[in-house]
């Protein structure tokens, strides 16, 4: 995902925070994982904790995986996502 896409989704969640509080907090958690993934690469490598590198990669991919999961559920009409651009 690009930073513009992340920002667009975040702006939607902030604008609709009162209507969708769970989605708002879930997206914040996803973004927190994303930042933790990027920040964790260098210390993991520097301290030779190589087992954490796949976890960092997974955290970096978290926003894309979450949006993909939501898009799939939206297309199956299991939930509605107004912030998606299908």
PDB file of N, CA and C in Angstrom:
ATOM      1  N   UNK A   1       0.843  -1.181   0.000  1.00  0.00           N
ATOM      2  CA  UNK A   1       0.000   0.000   0.000  1.00  0.00           C
ATOM      3  C   UNK A   1       0.883   1.238   0.000  1.00  0.00           C
ATOM      4  N   UNK A   2       0.377   2.266  -0.648  1.00  0.00           N
ATOM      5  CA  UNK A   2       1.118   3.518  -0.657  1.00  0.00           C
ATOM      6  C   UNK A   2       0.743   4.340   0.572  1.00  0.00           C
ATOM      7  N   UNK A   3       1.566   5.327   0.866  1.00  0.00           N
ATOM      8  CA  UNK A   3       1.258   6.208   1.996  1.00  0.00           C
ATOM      9  C   UNK A   3      -0.025   6.997   1.744  1.00  0.00           C
ATOM     10  N   UNK A   4      -0.293   7.321   0.482  1.00  0.00           N
ATOM     11  CA  UNK A   4      -1.532   8.035   0.160  1.00  0.00           C
ATOM     12  C   UNK A   4      -2.762   7.189   0.484  1.00  0.00           C
ATOM     13  N   UNK A   5      -2.685   5.886   0.200  1.00  0.00           N
ATOM     14  CA  UNK A   5      -3.805   5.003   0.516  1.00  0.00           C
ATOM     15  C   UNK A   5      -3.985   4.871   2.029  1.00  0.00           C
ATOM     16  N   UNK A   6      -2.874   4.725   2.747  1.00  0.00           N
ATOM     17  CA  UNK A   6      -2.952   4.657   4.208  1.00  0.00           C
ATOM     18  C   UNK A   6      -3.565   5.934   4.777  1.00  0.00           C
ATOM     19  N   UNK A   7      -3.151   7.069   4.242  1.00  0.00           N
ATOM     20  CA  UNK A   7      -3.665   8.358   4.711  1.00  0.00           C
ATOM     21  C   UNK A   7      -5.147   8.516   4.381  1.00  0.00           C
ATOM     22  N   UNK A   8      -5.557   8.096   3.206  1.00  0.00           N
ATOM     23  CA  UNK A   8      -6.971   8.202   2.821  1.00  0.00           C
ATOM     24  C   UNK A   8      -7.844   7.383   3.756  1.00  0.00           C
ATOM     25  N   UNK A   9      -7.418   6.165   4.058  1.00  0.00           N
ATOM     26  CA  UNK A   9      -8.194   5.303   4.947  1.00  0.00           C
ATOM     27  C   UNK A   9      -8.212   5.893   6.352  1.00  0.00           C
ATOM     28  N   UNK A  10      -7.073   6.383   6.819  1.00  0.00           N
ATOM     29  CA  UNK A  10      -7.003   6.981   8.159  1.00  0.00           C
ATOM     30  C   UNK A  10      -7.912   8.205   8.254  1.00  0.00           C
ATOM     31  N   UNK A  11      -7.924   9.042   7.226  1.00  0.00           N
ATOM     32  CA  UNK A  11      -8.801  10.222   7.241  1.00  0.00           C
ATOM     33  C   UNK A  11     -10.263   9.808   7.313  1.00  0.00           C
ATOM     34  N   UNK A  12     -10.636   8.741   6.595  1.00  0.00           N
ATOM     35  CA  UNK A  12     -12.018   8.269   6.651  1.00  0.00           C
ATOM     36  C   UNK A  12     -12.351   7.813   8.065  1.00  0.00           C
ATOM     37  N   UNK A  13     -11.446   7.055   8.669  1.00  0.00           N
ATOM     38  CA  UNK A  13     -11.700   6.561  10.023  1.00  0.00           C
ATOM     39  C   UNK A  13     -11.798   7.697  11.036  1.00  0.00           C
ATOM     40  N   UNK A  14     -10.968   8.704  10.899  1.00  0.00           N
ATOM     41  CA  UNK A  14     -11.040   9.850  11.813  1.00  0.00           C
ATOM     42  C   UNK A  14     -12.359  10.594  11.622  1.00  0.00           C
ATOM     43  N   UNK A  15     -12.777  10.766  10.376  1.00  0.00           N
ATOM     44  CA  UNK A  15     -14.025  11.484  10.098  1.00  0.00           C
ATOM     45  C   UNK A  15     -15.254  10.725  10.597  1.00  0.00           C
ATOM     46  N   UNK A  16     -15.175   9.394  10.644  1.00  0.00           N
ATOM     47  CA  UNK A  16     -16.319   8.566  11.047  1.00  0.00           C
ATOM     48  C   UNK A  16     -16.074   7.846  12.379  1.00  0.00           C
ATOM     49  N   UNK A  17     -15.207   8.414  13.184  1.00  0.00           N
ATOM     50  CA  UNK A  17     -14.826   7.812  14.460  1.00  0.00           C
ATOM     51  C   UNK A  17     -16.017   7.563  15.366  1.00  0.00           C
ATOM     52  N   UNK A  18     -16.953   8.477  15.419  1.00  0.00           N
ATOM     53  CA  UNK A  18     -18.118   8.332  16.298  1.00  0.00           C
ATOM     54  C   UNK A  18     -19.057   7.224  15.816  1.00  0.00           C
ATOM     55  N   UNK A  19     -19.160   7.063  14.505  1.00  0.00           N
ATOM     56  CA  UNK A  19     -20.057   6.050  13.940  1.00  0.00           C
ATOM     57  C   UNK A  19     -19.456   4.649  13.940  1.00  0.00           C
ATOM     58  N   UNK A  20     -18.126   4.556  13.834  1.00  0.00           N
ATOM     59  CA  UNK A  20     -17.439   3.268  13.712  1.00  0.00           C
ATOM     60  C   UNK A  20     -16.241   3.207  14.661  1.00  0.00           C
ATOM     61  N   UNK A  21     -16.468   3.217  15.972  1.00  0.00           N
ATOM     62  CA  UNK A  21     -15.333   3.265  16.906  1.00  0.00           C
ATOM     63  C   UNK A  21     -14.449   2.019  16.876  1.00  0.00           C
ATOM     64  N   UNK A  22     -15.033   0.852  16.648  1.00  0.00           N
ATOM     65  CA  UNK A  22     -14.221  -0.372  16.624  1.00  0.00           C
ATOM     66  C   UNK A  22     -13.292  -0.363  15.413  1.00  0.00           C
ATOM     67  N   UNK A  23     -13.828   0.016  14.258  1.00  0.00           N
ATOM     68  CA  UNK A  23     -12.988   0.107  13.058  1.00  0.00           C
ATOM     69  C   UNK A  23     -11.880   1.132  13.243  1.00  0.00           C
ATOM     70  N   UNK A  24     -12.204   2.242  13.891  1.00  0.00           N
ATOM     71  CA  UNK A  24     -11.218   3.294  14.131  1.00  0.00           C
ATOM     72  C   UNK A  24     -10.051   2.749  14.960  1.00  0.00           C
ATOM     73  N   UNK A  25     -10.354   2.066  16.053  1.00  0.00           N
ATOM     74  CA  UNK A  25      -9.308   1.538  16.924  1.00  0.00           C
ATOM     75  C   UNK A  25      -8.569   0.366  16.280  1.00  0.00           C
ATOM     76  N   UNK A  26      -9.268  -0.430  15.509  1.00  0.00           N
ATOM     77  CA  UNK A  26      -8.617  -1.540  14.808  1.00  0.00           C
ATOM     78  C   UNK A  26      -7.621  -1.016  13.781  1.00  0.00           C
ATOM     79  N   UNK A  27      -7.995   0.028  13.063  1.00  0.00           N
ATOM     80  CA  UNK A  27      -7.073   0.600  12.077  1.00  0.00           C
ATOM     81  C   UNK A  27      -5.859   1.201  12.776  1.00  0.00           C
ATOM     82  N   UNK A  28      -6.060   1.833  13.926  1.00  0.00           N
ATOM     83  CA  UNK A  28      -4.915   2.341  14.689  1.00  0.00           C
ATOM     84  C   UNK A  28      -3.985   1.206  15.109  1.00  0.00           C
ATOM     85  N   UNK A  29      -4.557   0.073  15.498  1.00  0.00           N
ATOM     86  CA  UNK A  29      -3.739  -1.084  15.873  1.00  0.00           C
ATOM     87  C   UNK A  29      -2.955  -1.606  14.671  1.00  0.00           C
ATOM     88  N   UNK A  30      -3.591  -1.636  13.516  1.00  0.00           N
ATOM     89  CA  UNK A  30      -2.919  -2.084  12.291  1.00  0.00           C
ATOM     90  C   UNK A  30      -1.761  -1.141  11.957  1.00  0.00           C
ATOM     91  N   UNK A  31      -1.987   0.163  12.065  1.00  0.00           N
ATOM     92  CA  UNK A  31      -0.921   1.124  11.779  1.00  0.00           C
ATOM     93  C   UNK A  31       0.207   1.033  12.804  1.00  0.00           C
ATOM     94  N   UNK A  32      -0.141   0.735  14.053  1.00  0.00           N
ATOM     95  CA  UNK A  32       0.881   0.551  15.081  1.00  0.00           C
ATOM     96  C   UNK A  32       1.760  -0.652  14.753  1.00  0.00           C
ATOM     97  N   UNK A  33       1.143  -1.744  14.321  1.00  0.00           N
ATOM     98  CA  UNK A  33       1.915  -2.918  13.892  1.00  0.00           C
ATOM     99  C   UNK A  33       2.832  -2.574  12.731  1.00  0.00           C
ATOM    100  N   UNK A  34       2.310  -1.798  11.793  1.00  0.00           N
ATOM    101  CA  UNK A  34       3.076  -1.407  10.607  1.00  0.00           C
ATOM    102  C   UNK A  34       4.332  -0.627  11.014  1.00  0.00           C
ATOM    103  N   UNK A  35       4.163   0.340  11.914  1.00  0.00           N
ATOM    104  CA  UNK A  35       5.309   1.135  12.373  1.00  0.00           C
ATOM    105  C   UNK A  35       6.284   0.256  13.161  1.00  0.00           C
ATOM    106  N   UNK A  36       5.753  -0.615  14.016  1.00  0.00           N
ATOM    107  CA  UNK A  36       6.616  -1.511  14.786  1.00  0.00           C
ATOM    108  C   UNK A  36       7.434  -2.414  13.866  1.00  0.00           C
ATOM    109  N   UNK A  37       6.827  -2.843  12.782  1.00  0.00           N
ATOM    110  CA  UNK A  37       7.550  -3.673  11.821  1.00  0.00           C
ATOM    111  C   UNK A  37       8.713  -2.936  11.198  1.00  0.00           C
ATOM    112  N   UNK A  38       8.473  -1.699  10.754  1.00  0.00           N
ATOM    113  CA  UNK A  38       9.547  -0.924  10.134  1.00  0.00           C
ATOM    114  C   UNK A  38      10.648  -0.589  11.130  1.00  0.00           C
ATOM    115  N   UNK A  39      10.250  -0.201  12.325  1.00  0.00           N
ATOM    116  CA  UNK A  39      11.237   0.183  13.341  1.00  0.00           C
ATOM    117  C   UNK A  39      12.016  -1.028  13.839  1.00  0.00           C
ATOM    118  N   UNK A  40      11.419  -2.202  13.840  1.00  0.00           N
ATOM    119  CA  UNK A  40      12.048  -3.382  14.401  1.00  0.00           C
ATOM    120  C   UNK A  40      13.101  -4.042  13.547  1.00  0.00           C
ATOM    121  N   UNK A  41      13.135  -3.755  12.239  1.00  0.00           N
ATOM    122  CA  UNK A  41      14.099  -4.419  11.367  1.00  0.00           C
ATOM    123  C   UNK A  41      15.554  -4.189  11.789  1.00  0.00           C
ATOM    124  N   UNK A  42      15.927  -2.948  11.993  1.00  0.00           N
ATOM    125  CA  UNK A  42      17.323  -2.631  12.304  1.00  0.00           C
ATOM    126  C   UNK A  42      17.768  -3.216  13.649  1.00  0.00           C
ATOM    127  N   UNK A  43      17.010  -3.029  14.734  1.00  0.00           N
ATOM    128  CA  UNK A  43      17.446  -3.653  15.997  1.00  0.00           C
ATOM    129  C   UNK A  43      17.485  -5.182  15.918  1.00  0.00           C
ATOM    130  N   UNK A  44      16.540  -5.773  15.234  1.00  0.00           N
ATOM    131  CA  UNK A  44      16.535  -7.233  15.102  1.00  0.00           C
ATOM    132  C   UNK A  44      17.809  -7.712  14.398  1.00  0.00           C
ATOM    133  N   UNK A  45      18.200  -7.001  13.375  1.00  0.00           N
ATOM    134  CA  UNK A  45      19.415  -7.363  12.652  1.00  0.00           C
ATOM    135  C   UNK A  45      20.658  -7.055  13.494  1.00  0.00           C
ATOM    136  N   UNK A  46      20.674  -5.880  14.130  1.00  0.00           N
ATOM    137  CA  UNK A  46      21.845  -5.460  14.904  1.00  0.00           C
ATOM    138  C   UNK A  46      22.100  -6.382  16.094  1.00  0.00           C
ATOM    139  N   UNK A  47      21.053  -6.849  16.736  1.00  0.00           N
ATOM    140  CA  UNK A  47      21.200  -7.721  17.901  1.00  0.00           C
ATOM    141  C   UNK A  47      21.124  -9.208  17.534  1.00  0.00           C
ATOM    142  N   UNK A  48      21.191  -9.474  16.241  1.00  0.00           N
ATOM    143  CA  UNK A  48      21.209 -10.834  15.708  1.00  0.00           C
ATOM    144  C   UNK A  48      20.017 -11.667  16.182  1.00  0.00           C
ATOM    145  N   UNK A  49      18.887 -11.041  16.261  1.00  0.00           N
ATOM    146  CA  UNK A  49      17.644 -11.734  16.596  1.00  0.00           C
ATOM    147  C   UNK A  49      16.902 -12.007  15.290  1.00  0.00           C
ATOM    148  N   UNK A  50      17.491 -12.846  14.464  1.00  0.00           N
ATOM    149  CA  UNK A  50      16.995 -13.081  13.118  1.00  0.00           C
ATOM    150  C   UNK A  50      15.622 -13.732  13.087  1.00  0.00           C
ATOM    151  N   UNK A  51      15.250 -14.405  14.163  1.00  0.00           N
ATOM    152  CA  UNK A  51      13.930 -15.029  14.215  1.00  0.00           C
ATOM    153  C   UNK A  51      12.817 -13.981  14.216  1.00  0.00           C
ATOM    154  N   UNK A  52      13.140 -12.730  14.564  1.00  0.00           N
ATOM    155  CA  UNK A  52      12.111 -11.686  14.584  1.00  0.00           C
ATOM    156  C   UNK A  52      11.914 -11.025  13.223  1.00  0.00           C
ATOM    157  N   UNK A  53      12.828 -11.238  12.294  1.00  0.00           N
ATOM    158  CA  UNK A  53      12.710 -10.593  10.985  1.00  0.00           C
ATOM    159  C   UNK A  53      11.429 -10.988  10.243  1.00  0.00           C
ATOM    160  N   UNK A  54      11.014 -12.269  10.246  1.00  0.00           N
ATOM    161  CA  UNK A  54       9.733 -12.586   9.605  1.00  0.00           C
ATOM    162  C   UNK A  54       8.547 -11.908  10.293  1.00  0.00           C
ATOM    163  N   UNK A  55       8.635 -11.739  11.612  1.00  0.00           N
ATOM    164  CA  UNK A  55       7.565 -11.030  12.330  1.00  0.00           C
ATOM    165  C   UNK A  55       7.511  -9.564  11.909  1.00  0.00           C
ATOM    166  N   UNK A  56       8.680  -8.972  11.730  1.00  0.00           N
ATOM    167  CA  UNK A  56       8.724  -7.580  11.266  1.00  0.00           C
ATOM    168  C   UNK A  56       8.142  -7.465   9.856  1.00  0.00           C
ATOM    169  N   UNK A  57       8.480  -8.412   8.999  1.00  0.00           N
ATOM    170  CA  UNK A  57       7.946  -8.402   7.630  1.00  0.00           C
ATOM    171  C   UNK A  57       6.431  -8.574   7.640  1.00  0.00           C
ATOM    172  N   UNK A  58       5.938  -9.432   8.499  1.00  0.00           N
ATOM    173  CA  UNK A  58       4.498  -9.634   8.628  1.00  0.00           C
ATOM    174  C   UNK A  58       3.818  -8.358   9.128  1.00  0.00           C
ATOM    175  N   UNK A  59       4.446  -7.680  10.081  1.00  0.00           N
ATOM    176  CA  UNK A  59       3.886  -6.434  10.603  1.00  0.00           C
ATOM    177  C   UNK A  59       3.866  -5.341   9.531  1.00  0.00           C
ATOM    178  N   UNK A  60       4.897  -5.300   8.709  1.00  0.00           N
ATOM    179  CA  UNK A  60       4.941  -4.308   7.628  1.00  0.00           C
ATOM    180  C   UNK A  60       3.823  -4.571   6.619  1.00  0.00           C
ATOM    181  N   UNK A  61       3.496  -5.826   6.420  1.00  0.00           N
ATOM    182  CA  UNK A  61       2.447  -6.195   5.465  1.00  0.00           C
ATOM    183  C   UNK A  61       1.042  -6.134   6.070  1.00  0.00           C
ATOM    184  N   UNK A  62       0.923  -5.857   7.356  1.00  0.00           N
ATOM    185  CA  UNK A  62      -0.373  -5.881   8.039  1.00  0.00           C
ATOM    186  C   UNK A  62      -1.442  -4.997   7.391  1.00  0.00           C
ATOM    187  N   UNK A  63      -1.157  -3.748   7.028  1.00  0.00           N
ATOM    188  CA  UNK A  63      -2.213  -2.938   6.407  1.00  0.00           C
ATOM    189  C   UNK A  63      -2.734  -3.533   5.099  1.00  0.00           C
ATOM    190  N   UNK A  64      -1.839  -4.025   4.263  1.00  0.00           N
ATOM    191  CA  UNK A  64      -2.265  -4.618   2.992  1.00  0.00           C
ATOM    192  C   UNK A  64      -3.095  -5.881   3.222  1.00  0.00           C
ATOM    193  N   UNK A  65      -2.685  -6.689   4.181  1.00  0.00           N
ATOM    194  CA  UNK A  65      -3.434  -7.913   4.480  1.00  0.00           C
ATOM    195  C   UNK A  65      -4.813  -7.575   5.049  1.00  0.00           C
ATOM    196  N   UNK A  66      -4.875  -6.584   5.925  1.00  0.00           N
ATOM    197  CA  UNK A  66      -6.150  -6.188   6.522  1.00  0.00           C
ATOM    198  C   UNK A  66      -7.108  -5.647   5.458  1.00  0.00           C
ATOM    199  N   UNK A  67      -6.600  -4.778   4.595  1.00  0.00           N
ATOM    200  CA  UNK A  67      -7.445  -4.216   3.540  1.00  0.00           C
ATOM    201  C   UNK A  67      -7.888  -5.317   2.582  1.00  0.00           C
ATOM    202  N   UNK A  68      -7.005  -6.246   2.268  1.00  0.00           N
ATOM    203  CA  UNK A  68      -7.375  -7.369   1.407  1.00  0.00           C
ATOM    204  C   UNK A  68      -8.462  -8.232   2.024  1.00  0.00           C
ATOM    205  N   UNK A  69      -8.330  -8.506   3.316  1.00  0.00           N
ATOM    206  CA  UNK A  69      -9.350  -9.284   4.024  1.00  0.00           C
ATOM    207  C   UNK A  69     -10.686  -8.552   4.038  1.00  0.00           C
ATOM    208  N   UNK A  70     -10.651  -7.235   4.299  1.00  0.00           N
ATOM    209  CA  UNK A  70     -11.889  -6.454   4.319  1.00  0.00           C
ATOM    210  C   UNK A  70     -12.521  -6.382   2.932  1.00  0.00           C
ATOM    211  N   UNK A  71     -11.714  -6.238   1.899  1.00  0.00           N
ATOM    212  CA  UNK A  71     -12.230  -6.195   0.530  1.00  0.00           C
ATOM    213  C   UNK A  71     -12.904  -7.513   0.165  1.00  0.00           C
ATOM    214  N   UNK A  72     -12.281  -8.609   0.536  1.00  0.00           N
ATOM    215  CA  UNK A  72     -12.854  -9.924   0.257  1.00  0.00           C
ATOM    216  C   UNK A  72     -14.198 -10.098   0.984  1.00  0.00           C
ATOM    217  N   UNK A  73     -14.264  -9.713   2.238  1.00  0.00           N
ATOM    218  CA  UNK A  73     -15.512  -9.805   3.003  1.00  0.00           C
ATOM    219  C   UNK A  73     -16.573  -8.858   2.455  1.00  0.00           C
ATOM    220  N   UNK A  74     -16.140  -7.694   1.986  1.00  0.00           N
ATOM    221  CA  UNK A  74     -17.071  -6.716   1.409  1.00  0.00           C
ATOM    222  C   UNK A  74     -17.682  -7.264   0.119  1.00  0.00           C
ATOM    223  N   UNK A  75     -16.860  -7.885  -0.707  1.00  0.00           N
ATOM    224  CA  UNK A  75     -17.354  -8.441  -1.970  1.00  0.00           C
ATOM    225  C   UNK A  75     -18.293  -9.622  -1.747  1.00  0.00           C
ATOM    226  N   UNK A  76     -18.078 -10.368  -0.666  1.00  0.00           N
ATOM    227  CA  UNK A  76     -18.972 -11.483  -0.333  1.00  0.00           C
ATOM    228  C   UNK A  76     -20.211 -11.002   0.430  1.00  0.00           C
ATOM    229  N   UNK A  77     -20.285  -9.691   0.653  1.00  0.00           N
ATOM    230  CA  UNK A  77     -21.390  -9.034   1.354  1.00  0.00           C
ATOM    231  C   UNK A  77     -21.541  -9.544   2.783  1.00  0.00           C
ATOM    232  N   UNK A  78     -20.411  -9.843   3.415  1.00  0.00           N
ATOM    233  CA  UNK A  78     -20.426 -10.240   4.821  1.00  0.00           C
ATOM    234  C   UNK A  78     -20.315  -9.028   5.727  1.00  0.00           C
ATOM    235  N   UNK A  79     -19.708  -7.985   5.237  1.00  0.00           N
ATOM    236  CA  UNK A  79     -19.658  -6.717   5.945  1.00  0.00           C
ATOM    237  C   UNK A  79     -19.523  -5.597   4.936  1.00  0.00           C
ATOM    238  N   UNK A  80     -19.812  -4.401   5.398  1.00  0.00           N
ATOM    239  CA  UNK A  80     -19.794  -3.248   4.506  1.00  0.00           C
ATOM    240  C   UNK A  80     -18.601  -2.369   4.861  1.00  0.00           C
ATOM    241  N   UNK A  81     -17.855  -1.981   3.861  1.00  0.00           N
ATOM    242  CA  UNK A  81     -16.689  -1.112   4.063  1.00  0.00           C
ATOM    243  C   UNK A  81     -16.821   0.098   3.165  1.00  0.00           C
ATOM    244  N   UNK A  82     -17.235   1.206   3.731  1.00  0.00           N
ATOM    245  CA  UNK A  82     -17.405   2.434   2.956  1.00  0.00           C
ATOM    246  C   UNK A  82     -16.071   3.063   2.569  1.00  0.00           C
ATOM    247  N   UNK A  83     -15.004   2.709   3.290  1.00  0.00           N
ATOM    248  CA  UNK A  83     -13.718   3.334   3.024  1.00  0.00           C
ATOM    249  C   UNK A  83     -12.919   2.634   1.935  1.00  0.00           C
ATOM    250  N   UNK A  84     -13.438   1.524   1.431  1.00  0.00           N
ATOM    251  CA  UNK A  84     -12.735   0.801   0.363  1.00  0.00           C
ATOM    252  C   UNK A  84     -13.017   1.401  -0.993  1.00  0.00           C
ATOM    253  N   UNK A  85     -12.009   1.369  -1.819  1.00  0.00           N
ATOM    254  CA  UNK A  85     -12.206   1.719  -3.235  1.00  0.00           C
ATOM    255  C   UNK A  85     -12.090   0.424  -4.002  1.00  0.00           C
ATOM    256  N   UNK A  86     -13.221  -0.159  -4.392  1.00  0.00           N
ATOM    257  CA  UNK A  86     -13.167  -1.458  -5.071  1.00  0.00           C
ATOM    258  C   UNK A  86     -12.946  -1.341  -6.550  1.00  0.00           C
TER     259      UNK A  86
END
